[in-house]
């Protein structure tokens, strides 16, 4: 794999690592894509956690787990290269945001593609720590309930999964927010700010990228 996996025009190519980490943190459910021995695509939807391993912020690793019976596990054991796709907010963009009428509509979206080779982790203690990290991220109050479950039940649940780490070797962040059309930014921001949850999230990203002046 280890090649560009997404059409990425220059205006939408974002190199800011903080933006990538924010997208993964706010939208942790990823599509993990790999191939079978025959070359057929295999896809699983998995919540993943990103960890930065070094002070310079250059070594990133994803942590997650599969159901043990998932056939993608066996395929990855022989072909460990995988692509994880994180999808952020997305929304329709009306051409009414432009000051003239010779325009067409489009769809704005945020997505991050990361690639690497999976390394499976099957030690019960390691998997327990992995689950506790996910619990801490998404429902800290559940930690006490997990600890209160019988040891037999915990071991049964842990044996049903297989953990993994995926050092990130290639990363592409696409923020498609009409950056190359500044004449539309203010009107687009106003429309998105008054729209549904996904639209409002895009408006916040516009502000985060400095596309509009927000008092």
N, C-alpha and C. Protein backbone atom coordinates (compact mmCIF):
# COMPACT_ATOMS: atom_id res chain seq x y z
N UNK A 1 0.87 -1.17 0.00
CA UNK A 1 0.00 0.00 0.00
C UNK A 1 0.91 1.23 0.00
N UNK A 2 1.17 1.84 1.12
CA UNK A 2 2.16 2.90 1.29
C UNK A 2 2.30 3.82 0.08
N UNK A 3 1.19 4.37 -0.34
CA UNK A 3 1.19 5.34 -1.42
C UNK A 3 -0.01 6.24 -1.20
N UNK A 4 -0.05 7.34 -1.94
CA UNK A 4 -1.19 8.23 -1.81
C UNK A 4 -2.46 7.46 -2.13
N UNK A 5 -3.45 7.57 -1.25
CA UNK A 5 -4.67 6.79 -1.40
C UNK A 5 -5.89 7.65 -1.66
N UNK A 6 -5.70 8.95 -1.80
CA UNK A 6 -6.84 9.85 -1.94
C UNK A 6 -6.50 10.95 -2.93
N UNK A 7 -7.50 11.36 -3.72
CA UNK A 7 -7.35 12.51 -4.60
C UNK A 7 -7.26 13.75 -3.73
N UNK A 8 -6.15 14.49 -3.82
CA UNK A 8 -5.88 15.55 -2.87
C UNK A 8 -5.34 16.81 -3.54
N UNK A 9 -6.24 17.65 -4.09
CA UNK A 9 -5.79 18.92 -4.67
C UNK A 9 -5.09 19.78 -3.61
N UNK A 10 -4.16 20.58 -4.06
CA UNK A 10 -3.30 21.35 -3.15
C UNK A 10 -4.07 22.20 -2.15
N UNK A 11 -5.17 22.89 -2.53
CA UNK A 11 -5.85 23.74 -1.54
C UNK A 11 -6.41 22.97 -0.35
N UNK A 12 -6.63 21.66 -0.52
CA UNK A 12 -7.25 20.85 0.53
C UNK A 12 -6.25 19.97 1.28
N UNK A 13 -4.98 20.05 0.92
CA UNK A 13 -3.93 19.22 1.51
C UNK A 13 -3.42 19.90 2.78
N UNK A 14 -3.80 19.38 3.94
CA UNK A 14 -3.44 20.00 5.21
C UNK A 14 -2.32 19.21 5.88
N UNK A 15 -1.24 19.88 6.22
CA UNK A 15 -0.08 19.22 6.81
C UNK A 15 0.00 19.41 8.32
N UNK A 16 -0.95 20.10 8.90
CA UNK A 16 -0.90 20.42 10.33
C UNK A 16 -1.21 19.16 11.15
N UNK A 17 -0.25 18.65 11.92
CA UNK A 17 -0.50 17.42 12.68
C UNK A 17 -1.57 17.59 13.75
N UNK A 18 -1.72 18.81 14.28
CA UNK A 18 -2.74 19.03 15.30
C UNK A 18 -4.14 18.87 14.71
N UNK A 19 -4.31 19.28 13.45
CA UNK A 19 -5.60 19.09 12.80
C UNK A 19 -5.91 17.60 12.62
N UNK A 20 -4.89 16.82 12.25
CA UNK A 20 -5.09 15.39 12.09
C UNK A 20 -5.46 14.74 13.41
N UNK A 21 -4.77 15.11 14.49
CA UNK A 21 -5.06 14.53 15.79
C UNK A 21 -6.45 14.94 16.28
N UNK A 22 -6.85 16.16 15.99
CA UNK A 22 -8.19 16.62 16.38
C UNK A 22 -9.26 15.82 15.66
N UNK A 23 -9.07 15.59 14.36
CA UNK A 23 -10.06 14.84 13.59
C UNK A 23 -10.20 13.42 14.14
N UNK A 24 -9.08 12.78 14.46
CA UNK A 24 -9.14 11.42 15.01
C UNK A 24 -9.79 11.39 16.39
N UNK A 25 -9.52 12.41 17.18
CA UNK A 25 -10.09 12.45 18.53
C UNK A 25 -11.60 12.70 18.48
N UNK A 26 -12.04 13.58 17.59
CA UNK A 26 -13.46 13.91 17.51
C UNK A 26 -14.27 12.87 16.75
N UNK A 27 -13.60 12.10 15.87
CA UNK A 27 -14.29 11.08 15.06
C UNK A 27 -13.46 9.80 15.06
N UNK A 28 -13.44 9.07 16.17
CA UNK A 28 -12.53 7.94 16.32
C UNK A 28 -12.92 6.68 15.55
N UNK A 29 -14.16 6.62 15.04
CA UNK A 29 -14.55 5.41 14.30
C UNK A 29 -13.95 5.46 12.90
N UNK A 30 -13.09 4.48 12.61
CA UNK A 30 -12.37 4.46 11.33
C UNK A 30 -12.77 3.25 10.50
N UNK A 31 -12.59 3.37 9.20
CA UNK A 31 -12.67 2.24 8.29
C UNK A 31 -11.27 1.67 8.16
N UNK A 32 -11.08 0.43 8.57
CA UNK A 32 -9.78 -0.22 8.43
C UNK A 32 -9.85 -1.12 7.20
N UNK A 33 -9.06 -0.77 6.19
CA UNK A 33 -9.12 -1.43 4.88
C UNK A 33 -7.84 -2.21 4.63
N UNK A 34 -8.00 -3.45 4.20
CA UNK A 34 -6.86 -4.27 3.81
C UNK A 34 -7.30 -5.16 2.66
N UNK A 35 -6.44 -6.08 2.26
CA UNK A 35 -6.79 -6.96 1.14
C UNK A 35 -6.64 -8.42 1.54
N UNK A 36 -7.45 -9.26 0.94
CA UNK A 36 -7.37 -10.69 1.16
C UNK A 36 -6.23 -11.28 0.33
N UNK A 37 -6.01 -12.57 0.47
CA UNK A 37 -4.96 -13.23 -0.32
C UNK A 37 -5.25 -13.16 -1.82
N UNK A 38 -6.53 -13.00 -2.17
CA UNK A 38 -6.90 -12.90 -3.59
C UNK A 38 -6.89 -11.46 -4.09
N UNK A 39 -6.63 -10.50 -3.18
CA UNK A 39 -6.64 -9.10 -3.57
C UNK A 39 -7.96 -8.41 -3.37
N UNK A 40 -8.97 -9.14 -2.86
CA UNK A 40 -10.28 -8.53 -2.62
C UNK A 40 -10.19 -7.61 -1.40
N UNK A 41 -10.91 -6.48 -1.43
CA UNK A 41 -10.85 -5.57 -0.28
C UNK A 41 -11.60 -6.13 0.93
N UNK A 42 -11.05 -5.87 2.10
CA UNK A 42 -11.68 -6.23 3.37
C UNK A 42 -11.78 -4.96 4.20
N UNK A 43 -12.94 -4.75 4.85
CA UNK A 43 -13.17 -3.50 5.58
C UNK A 43 -13.83 -3.80 6.92
N UNK A 44 -13.34 -3.16 7.97
CA UNK A 44 -13.97 -3.22 9.28
C UNK A 44 -14.13 -1.79 9.81
N UNK A 45 -15.20 -1.56 10.57
CA UNK A 45 -15.42 -0.27 11.22
C UNK A 45 -14.97 -0.41 12.67
N UNK A 46 -13.93 0.32 13.06
CA UNK A 46 -13.33 0.14 14.38
C UNK A 46 -13.03 1.49 15.05
N UNK A 47 -13.34 1.63 16.34
CA UNK A 47 -12.89 2.83 17.06
C UNK A 47 -11.40 2.69 17.35
N UNK A 48 -10.62 3.71 17.01
CA UNK A 48 -9.18 3.66 17.17
C UNK A 48 -8.69 4.82 18.05
N UNK A 49 -7.57 4.59 18.68
CA UNK A 49 -6.94 5.62 19.50
C UNK A 49 -5.55 5.90 18.95
N UNK A 50 -5.23 7.17 18.80
CA UNK A 50 -3.91 7.56 18.31
C UNK A 50 -3.04 7.99 19.47
N UNK A 51 -1.79 7.54 19.45
CA UNK A 51 -0.82 7.93 20.47
C UNK A 51 0.44 8.43 19.77
N UNK A 52 0.97 9.54 20.25
CA UNK A 52 2.23 10.08 19.74
C UNK A 52 3.34 9.60 20.67
N UNK A 53 4.34 8.93 20.12
CA UNK A 53 5.32 8.21 20.93
C UNK A 53 6.58 9.00 21.26
N UNK A 54 6.87 10.06 20.49
CA UNK A 54 8.13 10.77 20.70
C UNK A 54 7.88 12.25 20.94
N UNK A 55 8.85 12.92 21.54
CA UNK A 55 8.72 14.33 21.88
C UNK A 55 8.62 15.21 20.64
N UNK A 56 9.21 14.80 19.54
CA UNK A 56 9.17 15.60 18.32
C UNK A 56 7.84 15.44 17.58
N UNK A 57 7.02 14.50 18.01
CA UNK A 57 5.70 14.32 17.41
C UNK A 57 5.73 13.67 16.05
N UNK A 58 6.76 12.86 15.78
CA UNK A 58 6.89 12.27 14.44
C UNK A 58 6.47 10.81 14.40
N UNK A 59 6.44 10.14 15.54
CA UNK A 59 6.10 8.71 15.58
C UNK A 59 4.69 8.55 16.17
N UNK A 60 3.75 8.18 15.31
CA UNK A 60 2.37 8.00 15.71
C UNK A 60 2.00 6.52 15.61
N UNK A 61 1.13 6.07 16.50
CA UNK A 61 0.66 4.70 16.43
C UNK A 61 -0.83 4.67 16.74
N UNK A 62 -1.55 3.83 16.02
CA UNK A 62 -2.98 3.61 16.28
C UNK A 62 -3.14 2.32 17.08
N UNK A 63 -4.07 2.35 18.03
CA UNK A 63 -4.39 1.18 18.84
C UNK A 63 -5.86 0.82 18.63
N UNK A 64 -6.15 -0.47 18.56
CA UNK A 64 -7.54 -0.91 18.40
C UNK A 64 -7.65 -2.41 18.59
N UNK A 65 -8.82 -2.94 18.31
CA UNK A 65 -9.00 -4.39 18.42
C UNK A 65 -10.08 -4.86 17.46
N UNK A 66 -9.93 -6.10 17.02
CA UNK A 66 -10.89 -6.79 16.18
C UNK A 66 -11.62 -7.86 17.00
N UNK A 67 -12.82 -8.23 16.56
CA UNK A 67 -13.41 -9.48 17.02
C UNK A 67 -12.53 -10.61 16.47
N UNK A 68 -12.21 -11.57 17.31
CA UNK A 68 -11.28 -12.61 16.89
C UNK A 68 -11.77 -13.38 15.67
N UNK A 69 -13.11 -13.54 15.54
CA UNK A 69 -13.65 -14.33 14.43
C UNK A 69 -13.76 -13.54 13.14
N UNK A 70 -13.41 -12.26 13.17
CA UNK A 70 -13.45 -11.44 11.96
C UNK A 70 -12.45 -12.01 10.94
N UNK A 71 -12.89 -12.39 9.73
CA UNK A 71 -11.96 -12.97 8.75
C UNK A 71 -10.85 -12.02 8.33
N UNK A 72 -11.01 -10.73 8.57
CA UNK A 72 -9.94 -9.80 8.22
C UNK A 72 -8.70 -10.03 9.07
N UNK A 73 -8.89 -10.57 10.27
CA UNK A 73 -7.75 -10.85 11.15
C UNK A 73 -6.79 -11.82 10.49
N UNK A 74 -7.32 -12.92 9.99
CA UNK A 74 -6.46 -13.93 9.36
C UNK A 74 -5.75 -13.35 8.14
N UNK A 75 -6.47 -12.55 7.36
CA UNK A 75 -5.85 -11.96 6.17
C UNK A 75 -4.72 -11.02 6.56
N UNK A 76 -4.91 -10.24 7.64
CA UNK A 76 -3.88 -9.29 8.06
C UNK A 76 -2.66 -9.99 8.66
N UNK A 77 -2.83 -11.18 9.15
CA UNK A 77 -1.69 -11.91 9.69
C UNK A 77 -0.68 -12.27 8.59
N UNK A 78 -1.17 -12.44 7.37
CA UNK A 78 -0.26 -12.74 6.27
C UNK A 78 0.05 -11.50 5.42
N UNK A 79 -0.86 -10.52 5.43
CA UNK A 79 -0.65 -9.27 4.68
C UNK A 79 -1.00 -8.11 5.61
N UNK A 80 -0.06 -7.67 6.44
CA UNK A 80 -0.39 -6.73 7.53
C UNK A 80 -0.60 -5.28 7.12
N UNK A 81 -0.29 -4.91 5.89
CA UNK A 81 -0.48 -3.52 5.48
C UNK A 81 -1.96 -3.15 5.49
N UNK A 82 -2.27 -1.99 6.07
CA UNK A 82 -3.67 -1.56 6.17
C UNK A 82 -3.78 -0.05 5.99
N UNK A 83 -4.97 0.36 5.64
CA UNK A 83 -5.32 1.77 5.50
C UNK A 83 -6.47 2.06 6.46
N UNK A 84 -6.30 3.07 7.31
CA UNK A 84 -7.37 3.49 8.21
C UNK A 84 -7.89 4.84 7.74
N UNK A 85 -9.21 4.94 7.57
CA UNK A 85 -9.83 6.16 7.06
C UNK A 85 -10.74 6.73 8.14
N UNK A 86 -10.41 7.94 8.59
CA UNK A 86 -11.24 8.66 9.54
C UNK A 86 -12.06 9.69 8.77
N UNK A 87 -13.36 9.70 9.00
CA UNK A 87 -14.25 10.62 8.28
C UNK A 87 -14.85 11.61 9.26
N UNK A 88 -14.63 12.90 8.99
CA UNK A 88 -15.16 13.94 9.84
C UNK A 88 -16.51 14.44 9.34
N UNK A 89 -16.91 15.63 9.75
CA UNK A 89 -18.19 16.17 9.32
C UNK A 89 -18.21 16.44 7.83
N UNK A 90 -19.40 16.42 7.25
CA UNK A 90 -19.56 16.69 5.82
C UNK A 90 -20.92 17.32 5.58
N UNK A 91 -21.04 18.08 4.50
CA UNK A 91 -22.32 18.73 4.21
C UNK A 91 -22.34 19.27 2.78
N UNK A 92 -23.52 19.39 2.26
CA UNK A 92 -23.77 20.02 0.96
C UNK A 92 -23.41 21.50 1.05
N UNK A 93 -22.90 22.04 -0.05
CA UNK A 93 -22.66 23.48 -0.12
C UNK A 93 -23.44 24.07 -1.29
N UNK A 94 -24.34 24.97 -0.99
CA UNK A 94 -25.17 25.61 -2.01
C UNK A 94 -24.38 26.66 -2.77
N UNK A 95 -24.59 26.78 -4.09
CA UNK A 95 -23.92 27.85 -4.85
C UNK A 95 -24.42 29.24 -4.47
N UNK A 96 -25.47 29.31 -3.65
CA UNK A 96 -25.98 30.61 -3.22
C UNK A 96 -24.99 31.36 -2.34
N UNK A 97 -23.91 30.71 -1.91
CA UNK A 97 -22.92 31.40 -1.08
C UNK A 97 -22.03 32.33 -1.91
N UNK A 98 -22.09 32.19 -3.23
CA UNK A 98 -21.26 33.04 -4.10
C UNK A 98 -21.97 34.34 -4.44
N UNK A 99 -21.20 35.39 -4.72
CA UNK A 99 -21.82 36.67 -5.09
C UNK A 99 -22.37 36.70 -6.52
N UNK A 100 -22.03 35.70 -7.35
CA UNK A 100 -22.54 35.63 -8.71
C UNK A 100 -23.23 34.29 -8.92
N UNK A 101 -23.93 34.13 -10.06
CA UNK A 101 -24.76 32.95 -10.28
C UNK A 101 -24.11 31.87 -11.14
N UNK A 102 -22.96 32.17 -11.74
CA UNK A 102 -22.33 31.19 -12.62
C UNK A 102 -21.47 30.25 -11.76
N UNK A 103 -22.13 29.44 -10.97
CA UNK A 103 -21.48 28.55 -10.02
C UNK A 103 -22.23 27.23 -9.96
N UNK A 104 -21.62 26.24 -9.34
CA UNK A 104 -22.27 24.95 -9.16
C UNK A 104 -22.15 24.53 -7.69
N UNK A 105 -23.06 23.66 -7.25
CA UNK A 105 -22.96 23.17 -5.86
C UNK A 105 -21.83 22.16 -5.70
N UNK A 106 -21.47 21.89 -4.47
CA UNK A 106 -20.46 20.87 -4.20
C UNK A 106 -20.74 20.26 -2.83
N UNK A 107 -19.86 19.38 -2.39
CA UNK A 107 -19.99 18.75 -1.08
C UNK A 107 -18.67 18.93 -0.35
N UNK A 108 -18.73 19.47 0.85
CA UNK A 108 -17.53 19.68 1.65
C UNK A 108 -17.40 18.57 2.69
N UNK A 109 -16.16 18.20 3.00
CA UNK A 109 -15.94 17.10 3.94
C UNK A 109 -14.51 17.14 4.45
N UNK A 110 -14.29 16.43 5.55
CA UNK A 110 -12.97 16.28 6.15
C UNK A 110 -12.66 14.79 6.25
N UNK A 111 -11.46 14.38 5.87
CA UNK A 111 -11.10 12.97 5.98
C UNK A 111 -9.59 12.84 6.17
N UNK A 112 -9.21 11.81 6.89
CA UNK A 112 -7.80 11.51 7.15
C UNK A 112 -7.54 10.07 6.76
N UNK A 113 -6.52 9.85 5.91
CA UNK A 113 -6.09 8.51 5.53
C UNK A 113 -4.72 8.25 6.15
N UNK A 114 -4.59 7.15 6.89
CA UNK A 114 -3.29 6.79 7.45
C UNK A 114 -3.00 5.33 7.10
N UNK A 115 -1.74 5.05 6.88
CA UNK A 115 -1.34 3.70 6.47
C UNK A 115 -0.23 3.17 7.36
N UNK A 116 -0.17 1.85 7.47
CA UNK A 116 0.87 1.21 8.25
C UNK A 116 0.68 -0.29 8.27
N UNK A 117 1.57 -0.99 8.96
CA UNK A 117 1.50 -2.45 9.09
C UNK A 117 1.02 -2.79 10.50
N UNK A 118 -0.06 -3.57 10.58
CA UNK A 118 -0.62 -3.95 11.87
C UNK A 118 0.26 -4.97 12.59
N UNK A 119 0.36 -4.82 13.89
CA UNK A 119 1.04 -5.79 14.75
C UNK A 119 0.02 -6.26 15.78
N UNK A 120 -0.32 -7.54 15.76
CA UNK A 120 -1.36 -8.05 16.65
C UNK A 120 -0.84 -8.23 18.07
N UNK A 121 -1.74 -7.99 19.03
CA UNK A 121 -1.43 -8.09 20.46
C UNK A 121 -2.47 -9.00 21.10
N UNK A 122 -2.02 -10.12 21.67
CA UNK A 122 -2.99 -11.09 22.18
C UNK A 122 -2.80 -11.44 23.65
N UNK A 123 -1.91 -10.72 24.34
CA UNK A 123 -1.74 -10.98 25.76
C UNK A 123 -2.92 -10.38 26.52
N UNK A 124 -3.55 -11.14 27.43
CA UNK A 124 -4.73 -10.63 28.16
C UNK A 124 -4.48 -9.29 28.86
N UNK A 125 -3.31 -9.11 29.49
CA UNK A 125 -3.04 -7.87 30.20
C UNK A 125 -2.95 -6.69 29.23
N UNK A 126 -2.35 -6.91 28.07
CA UNK A 126 -2.24 -5.85 27.06
C UNK A 126 -3.62 -5.46 26.54
N UNK A 127 -4.45 -6.46 26.27
CA UNK A 127 -5.79 -6.18 25.77
C UNK A 127 -6.64 -5.48 26.83
N UNK A 128 -6.44 -5.86 28.10
CA UNK A 128 -7.16 -5.21 29.19
C UNK A 128 -6.79 -3.73 29.25
N UNK A 129 -5.50 -3.42 29.13
CA UNK A 129 -5.05 -2.03 29.13
C UNK A 129 -5.62 -1.26 27.95
N UNK A 130 -5.68 -1.93 26.80
CA UNK A 130 -6.23 -1.29 25.60
C UNK A 130 -7.69 -0.94 25.80
N UNK A 131 -8.47 -1.87 26.36
CA UNK A 131 -9.88 -1.60 26.62
C UNK A 131 -10.04 -0.47 27.62
N UNK A 132 -9.20 -0.43 28.64
CA UNK A 132 -9.29 0.63 29.65
C UNK A 132 -8.99 2.00 29.05
N UNK A 133 -8.09 2.04 28.06
CA UNK A 133 -7.81 3.31 27.39
C UNK A 133 -9.05 3.80 26.64
N UNK A 134 -9.72 2.89 25.94
CA UNK A 134 -10.93 3.26 25.21
C UNK A 134 -12.04 3.67 26.17
N UNK A 135 -12.16 2.96 27.29
CA UNK A 135 -13.16 3.32 28.30
C UNK A 135 -12.88 4.73 28.83
N UNK A 136 -11.61 5.01 29.11
CA UNK A 136 -11.23 6.33 29.63
C UNK A 136 -11.57 7.44 28.64
N UNK A 137 -11.47 7.15 27.36
CA UNK A 137 -11.76 8.15 26.33
C UNK A 137 -13.26 8.39 26.17
N UNK A 138 -14.06 7.32 26.28
CA UNK A 138 -15.46 7.42 25.88
C UNK A 138 -16.48 7.30 27.01
N UNK A 139 -16.14 6.63 28.11
CA UNK A 139 -17.06 6.53 29.24
C UNK A 139 -16.27 6.18 30.50
N UNK A 140 -15.57 7.15 31.07
CA UNK A 140 -14.73 6.87 32.25
C UNK A 140 -15.50 6.21 33.40
N UNK A 141 -16.77 6.55 33.53
CA UNK A 141 -17.54 6.00 34.65
C UNK A 141 -17.74 4.49 34.52
N UNK A 142 -17.57 3.93 33.31
CA UNK A 142 -17.76 2.50 33.12
C UNK A 142 -16.59 1.70 33.69
N UNK A 143 -15.46 2.34 33.95
CA UNK A 143 -14.27 1.62 34.41
C UNK A 143 -14.57 0.82 35.67
N UNK A 144 -15.32 1.41 36.60
CA UNK A 144 -15.63 0.71 37.85
C UNK A 144 -16.49 -0.52 37.58
N UNK A 145 -17.43 -0.40 36.64
CA UNK A 145 -18.28 -1.54 36.31
C UNK A 145 -17.46 -2.67 35.70
N UNK A 146 -16.52 -2.31 34.80
CA UNK A 146 -15.65 -3.33 34.19
C UNK A 146 -14.82 -4.06 35.24
N UNK A 147 -14.26 -3.29 36.17
CA UNK A 147 -13.45 -3.90 37.22
C UNK A 147 -14.29 -4.78 38.14
N UNK A 148 -15.59 -4.47 38.24
CA UNK A 148 -16.46 -5.22 39.11
C UNK A 148 -16.99 -6.51 38.51
N UNK A 149 -16.76 -6.73 37.23
CA UNK A 149 -17.22 -7.96 36.59
C UNK A 149 -16.35 -9.14 37.04
N UNK A 150 -16.93 -10.34 37.01
CA UNK A 150 -16.17 -11.50 37.45
C UNK A 150 -14.96 -11.72 36.55
N UNK A 151 -13.92 -12.32 37.13
CA UNK A 151 -12.71 -12.57 36.35
C UNK A 151 -12.99 -13.50 35.18
N UNK A 152 -13.85 -14.49 35.40
CA UNK A 152 -14.19 -15.41 34.31
C UNK A 152 -14.84 -14.67 33.15
N UNK A 153 -15.77 -13.76 33.48
CA UNK A 153 -16.45 -13.01 32.42
C UNK A 153 -15.47 -12.10 31.68
N UNK A 154 -14.59 -11.42 32.44
CA UNK A 154 -13.60 -10.56 31.80
C UNK A 154 -12.71 -11.35 30.85
N UNK A 155 -12.26 -12.52 31.30
CA UNK A 155 -11.39 -13.33 30.46
C UNK A 155 -12.13 -13.81 29.21
N UNK A 156 -13.42 -14.11 29.36
CA UNK A 156 -14.21 -14.53 28.21
C UNK A 156 -14.30 -13.41 27.18
N UNK A 157 -14.55 -12.19 27.66
CA UNK A 157 -14.64 -11.04 26.76
C UNK A 157 -13.28 -10.76 26.10
N UNK A 158 -12.21 -10.84 26.87
CA UNK A 158 -10.88 -10.57 26.32
C UNK A 158 -10.47 -11.63 25.30
N UNK A 159 -10.88 -12.87 25.54
CA UNK A 159 -10.49 -13.93 24.61
C UNK A 159 -11.23 -13.81 23.27
N UNK A 160 -12.33 -13.05 23.26
CA UNK A 160 -13.12 -12.90 22.04
C UNK A 160 -12.57 -11.82 21.12
N UNK A 161 -11.55 -11.08 21.58
CA UNK A 161 -10.98 -10.02 20.76
C UNK A 161 -9.49 -10.25 20.59
N UNK A 162 -8.92 -9.58 19.60
CA UNK A 162 -7.47 -9.54 19.43
C UNK A 162 -7.07 -8.09 19.19
N UNK A 163 -6.15 -7.61 20.00
CA UNK A 163 -5.73 -6.22 19.90
C UNK A 163 -4.68 -6.02 18.82
N UNK A 164 -4.43 -4.76 18.51
CA UNK A 164 -3.36 -4.46 17.55
C UNK A 164 -2.84 -3.05 17.75
N UNK A 165 -1.64 -2.84 17.28
CA UNK A 165 -1.05 -1.51 17.15
C UNK A 165 -0.66 -1.33 15.70
N UNK A 166 -0.78 -0.11 15.20
CA UNK A 166 -0.42 0.16 13.81
C UNK A 166 0.42 1.43 13.75
N UNK A 167 1.75 1.30 13.73
CA UNK A 167 2.59 2.48 13.54
C UNK A 167 2.25 3.16 12.21
N UNK A 168 2.04 4.46 12.25
CA UNK A 168 1.64 5.18 11.04
C UNK A 168 2.87 5.52 10.22
N UNK A 169 2.89 5.05 8.99
CA UNK A 169 4.03 5.31 8.10
C UNK A 169 3.71 6.32 7.01
N UNK A 170 2.42 6.60 6.80
CA UNK A 170 2.03 7.55 5.74
C UNK A 170 0.70 8.17 6.15
N UNK A 171 0.59 9.49 5.98
CA UNK A 171 -0.61 10.19 6.43
C UNK A 171 -1.03 11.24 5.41
N UNK A 172 -2.33 11.30 5.12
CA UNK A 172 -2.89 12.32 4.23
C UNK A 172 -4.15 12.89 4.87
N UNK A 173 -4.17 14.18 5.08
CA UNK A 173 -5.32 14.86 5.66
C UNK A 173 -5.95 15.77 4.61
N UNK A 174 -7.21 15.50 4.28
CA UNK A 174 -7.91 16.31 3.30
C UNK A 174 -9.03 17.09 3.99
N UNK A 175 -8.88 18.42 3.99
CA UNK A 175 -9.90 19.30 4.53
C UNK A 175 -10.49 20.07 3.35
N UNK A 176 -11.61 19.58 2.84
CA UNK A 176 -12.24 20.21 1.66
C UNK A 176 -13.32 21.18 2.15
N UNK A 177 -12.94 22.45 2.22
CA UNK A 177 -13.84 23.48 2.74
C UNK A 177 -13.88 24.70 1.83
N UNK A 178 -13.68 24.48 0.52
CA UNK A 178 -13.76 25.58 -0.43
C UNK A 178 -12.73 26.68 -0.13
N UNK A 179 -11.55 26.24 0.37
CA UNK A 179 -10.53 27.22 0.76
C UNK A 179 -10.10 28.12 -0.40
N UNK A 180 -10.18 27.61 -1.64
CA UNK A 180 -9.69 28.37 -2.79
C UNK A 180 -10.71 29.37 -3.32
N UNK A 181 -11.85 29.52 -2.63
CA UNK A 181 -12.89 30.44 -3.06
C UNK A 181 -13.24 31.38 -1.91
N UNK A 182 -12.33 32.31 -1.57
CA UNK A 182 -12.55 33.17 -0.39
C UNK A 182 -13.77 34.06 -0.50
N UNK A 183 -14.22 34.32 -1.73
CA UNK A 183 -15.39 35.18 -1.88
C UNK A 183 -16.67 34.53 -1.34
N UNK A 184 -16.61 33.22 -1.10
CA UNK A 184 -17.78 32.50 -0.59
C UNK A 184 -17.70 32.20 0.90
N UNK A 185 -16.57 32.47 1.53
CA UNK A 185 -16.35 31.98 2.88
C UNK A 185 -17.35 32.51 3.91
N UNK A 186 -17.59 33.81 3.91
CA UNK A 186 -18.45 34.37 4.94
C UNK A 186 -19.88 33.86 4.82
N UNK A 187 -20.40 33.84 3.60
CA UNK A 187 -21.77 33.35 3.41
C UNK A 187 -21.87 31.86 3.72
N UNK A 188 -20.84 31.10 3.35
CA UNK A 188 -20.82 29.67 3.64
C UNK A 188 -20.79 29.44 5.15
N UNK A 189 -19.98 30.21 5.84
CA UNK A 189 -19.89 30.11 7.30
C UNK A 189 -21.24 30.40 7.94
N UNK A 190 -21.91 31.42 7.47
CA UNK A 190 -23.22 31.78 8.05
C UNK A 190 -24.24 30.68 7.80
N UNK A 191 -24.26 30.11 6.60
CA UNK A 191 -25.19 29.02 6.33
C UNK A 191 -24.90 27.80 7.19
N UNK A 192 -23.63 27.42 7.27
CA UNK A 192 -23.26 26.26 8.06
C UNK A 192 -23.54 26.48 9.55
N UNK A 193 -23.32 27.69 10.03
CA UNK A 193 -23.53 27.97 11.45
C UNK A 193 -24.99 27.80 11.85
N UNK A 194 -25.90 27.94 10.89
CA UNK A 194 -27.34 27.82 11.17
C UNK A 194 -27.90 26.46 10.77
N UNK A 195 -27.05 25.55 10.33
CA UNK A 195 -27.50 24.26 9.83
C UNK A 195 -27.52 23.17 10.88
N UNK A 196 -27.47 21.94 10.41
CA UNK A 196 -27.51 20.80 11.32
C UNK A 196 -26.16 20.63 12.03
N UNK A 197 -26.04 19.57 12.83
CA UNK A 197 -24.83 19.38 13.64
C UNK A 197 -23.57 19.27 12.78
N UNK A 198 -23.66 18.55 11.66
CA UNK A 198 -22.50 18.39 10.80
C UNK A 198 -22.09 19.73 10.18
N UNK A 199 -23.08 20.50 9.74
CA UNK A 199 -22.78 21.82 9.18
C UNK A 199 -22.14 22.74 10.22
N UNK A 200 -22.65 22.71 11.43
CA UNK A 200 -22.08 23.55 12.49
C UNK A 200 -20.65 23.14 12.81
N UNK A 201 -20.38 21.85 12.72
CA UNK A 201 -19.01 21.38 12.94
C UNK A 201 -18.08 21.89 11.84
N UNK A 202 -18.56 21.91 10.59
CA UNK A 202 -17.76 22.46 9.50
C UNK A 202 -17.51 23.95 9.71
N UNK A 203 -18.50 24.65 10.23
CA UNK A 203 -18.32 26.08 10.52
C UNK A 203 -17.22 26.27 11.57
N UNK A 204 -17.19 25.40 12.56
CA UNK A 204 -16.14 25.50 13.57
C UNK A 204 -14.77 25.24 12.96
N UNK A 205 -14.71 24.30 12.01
CA UNK A 205 -13.43 24.04 11.33
C UNK A 205 -13.02 25.24 10.48
N UNK A 206 -13.96 25.91 9.86
CA UNK A 206 -13.63 27.12 9.09
C UNK A 206 -12.99 28.15 10.00
N UNK A 207 -13.56 28.30 11.19
CA UNK A 207 -12.98 29.23 12.16
C UNK A 207 -11.61 28.77 12.60
N UNK A 208 -11.45 27.47 12.85
CA UNK A 208 -10.18 26.91 13.29
C UNK A 208 -9.09 27.12 12.24
N UNK A 209 -9.47 27.09 10.97
CA UNK A 209 -8.50 27.27 9.88
C UNK A 209 -8.27 28.74 9.54
N UNK A 210 -8.95 29.64 10.22
CA UNK A 210 -8.77 31.06 9.96
C UNK A 210 -9.40 31.53 8.66
N UNK A 211 -10.42 30.81 8.19
CA UNK A 211 -11.07 31.18 6.93
C UNK A 211 -12.03 32.35 7.10
N UNK A 212 -12.49 32.59 8.31
CA UNK A 212 -13.43 33.67 8.57
C UNK A 212 -13.02 34.38 9.85
N UNK A 213 -13.44 35.61 9.98
CA UNK A 213 -13.21 36.37 11.21
C UNK A 213 -14.43 36.20 12.12
N UNK A 214 -14.20 35.61 13.26
CA UNK A 214 -15.29 35.37 14.21
C UNK A 214 -15.07 36.27 15.42
N UNK A 215 -16.06 37.14 15.73
CA UNK A 215 -15.88 38.02 16.89
C UNK A 215 -15.78 37.25 18.20
